[in-house]
C-alpha atoms as a PDB file:
ATOM      1  CA  UNK A   1    -145.755 114.657-128.676  1.00  0.00           C
ATOM      2  CA  UNK A   2    -143.830 117.472-127.254  1.00  0.00           C
ATOM      3  CA  UNK A   3    -146.788 117.810-124.597  1.00  0.00           C
ATOM      4  CA  UNK A   4    -146.377 114.464-123.601  1.00  0.00           C
ATOM      5  CA  UNK A   5    -142.411 114.712-123.276  1.00  0.00           C
ATOM      6  CA  UNK A   6    -144.287 118.142-120.944  1.00  0.00           C
ATOM      7  CA  UNK A   7    -145.627 116.056-118.737  1.00  0.00           C
ATOM      8  CA  UNK A   8    -149.313 117.611-119.250  1.00  0.00           C
ATOM      9  CA  UNK A   9    -151.918 115.227-119.941  1.00  0.00           C
ATOM     10  CA  UNK A  10    -154.896 117.129-119.649  1.00  0.00           C
ATOM     11  CA  UNK A  11    -155.778 120.888-120.324  1.00  0.00           C
ATOM     12  CA  UNK A  12    -155.896 123.199-117.176  1.00  0.00           C
ATOM     13  CA  UNK A  13    -159.587 123.989-118.400  1.00  0.00           C
ATOM     14  CA  UNK A  14    -160.394 120.287-118.552  1.00  0.00           C
ATOM     15  CA  UNK A  15    -158.969 119.703-114.770  1.00  0.00           C
ATOM     16  CA  UNK A  16    -160.593 122.902-113.147  1.00  0.00           C
ATOM     17  CA  UNK A  17    -164.086 121.581-114.720  1.00  0.00           C
ATOM     18  CA  UNK A  18    -164.008 118.036-113.103  1.00  0.00           C
ATOM     19  CA  UNK A  19    -163.379 119.696-109.808  1.00  0.00           C
ATOM     20  CA  UNK A  20    -165.769 122.165-110.490  1.00  0.00           C
ATOM     21  CA  UNK A  21    -168.475 118.992-111.027  1.00  0.00           C
ATOM     22  CA  UNK A  22    -166.604 117.356-107.975  1.00  0.00           C
ATOM     23  CA  UNK A  23    -167.402 119.766-105.736  1.00  0.00           C
ATOM     24  CA  UNK A  24    -170.933 120.455-107.197  1.00  0.00           C
ATOM     25  CA  UNK A  25    -171.805 116.635-106.495  1.00  0.00           C
ATOM     26  CA  UNK A  26    -170.543 117.028-103.213  1.00  0.00           C
ATOM     27  CA  UNK A  27    -173.221 119.649-102.469  1.00  0.00           C
ATOM     28  CA  UNK A  28    -175.925 118.109-103.929  1.00  0.00           C
ATOM     29  CA  UNK A  29    -175.409 114.494-102.222  1.00  0.00           C
ATOM     30  CA  UNK A  30    -175.328 116.653 -98.935  1.00  0.00           C
ATOM     31  CA  UNK A  31    -178.817 118.965 -99.635  1.00  0.00           C
ATOM     32  CA  UNK A  32    -180.100 115.220-100.925  1.00  0.00           C
ATOM     33  CA  UNK A  33    -179.043 113.457 -97.888  1.00  0.00           C
ATOM     34  CA  UNK A  34    -180.559 116.612 -95.462  1.00  0.00           C
ATOM     35  CA  UNK A  35    -183.357 116.188 -97.366  1.00  0.00           C
ATOM     36  CA  UNK A  36    -184.019 112.808 -97.480  1.00  0.00           C
ATOM     37  CA  UNK A  37    -183.638 112.423 -93.625  1.00  0.00           C
ATOM     38  CA  UNK A  38    -186.262 115.277 -92.775  1.00  0.00           C
ATOM     39  CA  UNK A  39    -188.812 113.728 -95.121  1.00  0.00           C
ATOM     40  CA  UNK A  40    -188.029 110.045 -94.271  1.00  0.00           C
ATOM     41  CA  UNK A  41    -188.264 110.975 -90.294  1.00  0.00           C
ATOM     42  CA  UNK A  42    -192.111 113.233 -91.181  1.00  0.00           C
ATOM     43  CA  UNK A  43    -193.764 110.455 -92.792  1.00  0.00           C
ATOM     44  CA  UNK A  44    -192.244 107.682 -89.818  1.00  0.00           C
ATOM     45  CA  UNK A  45    -190.465 105.747 -92.342  1.00  0.00           C
ATOM     46  CA  UNK A  46    -187.337 106.447 -91.549  1.00  0.00           C
ATOM     47  CA  UNK A  47    -185.430 103.412 -88.848  1.00  0.00           C
ATOM     48  CA  UNK A  48    -182.383 104.813 -86.281  1.00  0.00           C
ATOM     49  CA  UNK A  49    -179.814 103.151 -87.933  1.00  0.00           C
ATOM     50  CA  UNK A  50    -180.941 104.022 -92.004  1.00  0.00           C
ATOM     51  CA  UNK A  51    -181.228 107.581 -90.241  1.00  0.00           C
ATOM     52  CA  UNK A  52    -177.711 107.863 -88.444  1.00  0.00           C
ATOM     53  CA  UNK A  53    -176.552 105.901 -92.077  1.00  0.00           C
ATOM     54  CA  UNK A  54    -178.048 109.144 -94.309  1.00  0.00           C
ATOM     55  CA  UNK A  55    -176.540 111.510 -91.591  1.00  0.00           C
ATOM     56  CA  UNK A  56    -173.239 110.210 -91.216  1.00  0.00           C
ATOM     57  CA  UNK A  57    -173.864 110.247 -95.665  1.00  0.00           C
ATOM     58  CA  UNK A  58    -174.120 113.551 -95.948  1.00  0.00           C
ATOM     59  CA  UNK A  59    -171.871 114.675 -92.911  1.00  0.00           C
ATOM     60  CA  UNK A  60    -169.055 113.236 -94.433  1.00  0.00           C
ATOM     61  CA  UNK A  61    -169.478 114.387 -98.045  1.00  0.00           C
ATOM     62  CA  UNK A  62    -169.624 117.965 -96.808  1.00  0.00           C
ATOM     63  CA  UNK A  63    -166.289 117.117 -95.069  1.00  0.00           C
ATOM     64  CA  UNK A  64    -164.651 116.289 -98.021  1.00  0.00           C
ATOM     65  CA  UNK A  65    -166.246 119.131 -99.273  1.00  0.00           C
ATOM     66  CA  UNK A  66    -164.528 121.400 -96.524  1.00  0.00           C
ATOM     67  CA  UNK A  67    -161.363 119.779 -97.108  1.00  0.00           C
ATOM     68  CA  UNK A  68    -161.151 120.535-100.872  1.00  0.00           C
ATOM     69  CA  UNK A  69    -162.047 123.737-100.353  1.00  0.00           C
ATOM     70  CA  UNK A  70    -158.929 124.696 -97.184  1.00  0.00           C
ATOM     71  CA  UNK A  71    -156.350 122.540 -99.419  1.00  0.00           C
ATOM     72  CA  UNK A  72    -157.290 124.819-102.597  1.00  0.00           C
ATOM     73  CA  UNK A  73    -157.974 122.241-104.568  1.00  0.00           C
ATOM     74  CA  UNK A  74    -160.546 123.345-107.589  1.00  0.00           C
END
């Protein structure tokens, strides 16, 4: 009950672990989009609009990751 009164609902280690997982997912998404873009381009199965969408998703993930690091969200 005292923890609820103090406003702390999650232990700091859990929040840190969640932030680490989010960073890992964002990094994996950036790498996966880059690899998918290259492979599909080499196989010539990629339409230009799809390629821009893949590149956009990868760049957006990288931007979010960099913003999280700049703000010190950990």
